[in-house]
């Protein structure tokens, strides 16, 4: 799975970003269990998921600031 760019995330709505964030957090949870059980086939995926979560949170924060500044 290719990494998501911030430009692509900015084009999405806040609801779409929140849904994607929930999915990534579930994936991160499952990856933790796989790692603990020694069954993780792609350990680098955990790092990628963590960074994608950070990107989404950053874009959501930018959107929140933009809404606050517009009022």
Protein backbone atom coordinates (compact mmCIF):
# COMPACT_ATOMS: atom_id res chain seq x y z
CA UNK A 1 0.00 0.00 0.00
CA UNK A 2 1.42 3.36 -1.01
CA UNK A 3 1.73 6.13 1.50
CA UNK A 4 -0.88 8.85 1.49
CA UNK A 5 0.25 12.36 0.67
CA UNK A 6 -0.96 15.36 2.65
CA UNK A 7 -2.16 16.99 -0.60
CA UNK A 8 -4.55 14.10 -1.19
CA UNK A 9 -5.78 14.26 2.39
CA UNK A 10 -6.52 17.98 2.17
CA UNK A 11 -8.92 17.28 -0.70
CA UNK A 12 -11.07 15.05 1.54
CA UNK A 13 -13.76 16.15 3.97
CA UNK A 14 -13.30 15.96 7.72
CA UNK A 15 -15.74 13.04 7.95
CA UNK A 16 -13.80 11.05 5.35
CA UNK A 17 -10.58 11.75 7.22
CA UNK A 18 -12.09 10.63 10.52
CA UNK A 19 -13.30 7.38 8.93
CA UNK A 20 -9.86 6.75 7.48
CA UNK A 21 -8.30 7.53 10.87
CA UNK A 22 -10.51 4.95 12.59
CA UNK A 23 -9.52 2.32 10.03
CA UNK A 24 -5.82 3.04 10.47
CA UNK A 25 -6.09 2.88 14.26
CA UNK A 26 -7.74 -0.55 13.96
CA UNK A 27 -4.96 -1.66 11.64
CA UNK A 28 -2.36 -0.35 14.09
CA UNK A 29 -4.03 -2.29 16.90
CA UNK A 30 -3.97 -5.50 14.87
CA UNK A 31 -0.33 -4.95 13.90
CA UNK A 32 0.59 -4.64 17.58
CA UNK A 33 -0.96 -8.02 18.30
CA UNK A 34 0.76 -9.59 15.31
CA UNK A 35 4.11 -8.22 16.46
CA UNK A 36 3.57 -9.45 20.02
CA UNK A 37 2.64 -12.89 18.75
CA UNK A 38 5.59 -13.05 16.38
CA UNK A 39 3.35 -13.31 13.31
CA UNK A 40 3.97 -9.89 11.76
CA UNK A 41 5.01 -10.44 8.15
CA UNK A 42 5.71 -6.78 7.41
CA UNK A 43 7.13 -4.95 10.46
CA UNK A 44 7.70 -1.77 8.44
CA UNK A 45 3.95 -1.42 7.96
CA UNK A 46 3.58 -0.36 11.61
CA UNK A 47 5.79 2.66 10.98
CA UNK A 48 3.90 3.55 7.81
CA UNK A 49 0.53 3.33 9.59
CA UNK A 50 1.80 5.48 12.46
CA UNK A 51 2.97 8.16 10.05
CA UNK A 52 -0.28 8.10 8.07
CA UNK A 53 -2.19 8.59 11.33
CA UNK A 54 0.00 11.60 12.09
CA UNK A 55 -0.62 13.05 8.62
CA UNK A 56 -4.37 12.72 9.00
CA UNK A 57 -4.31 14.31 12.46
CA UNK A 58 -2.23 17.18 11.09
CA UNK A 59 -4.66 17.83 8.24
CA UNK A 60 -7.64 17.63 10.61
CA UNK A 61 -5.92 20.20 12.84
CA UNK A 62 -5.32 22.48 9.86
CA UNK A 63 -8.98 22.21 8.89
CA UNK A 64 -10.07 23.01 12.46
CA UNK A 65 -7.86 26.10 12.53
CA UNK A 66 -9.18 27.21 9.15
CA UNK A 67 -12.77 26.90 10.35
CA UNK A 68 -11.92 28.83 13.53
CA UNK A 69 -10.20 31.60 11.59
CA UNK A 70 -13.12 31.93 9.18
CA UNK A 71 -15.56 32.68 12.01
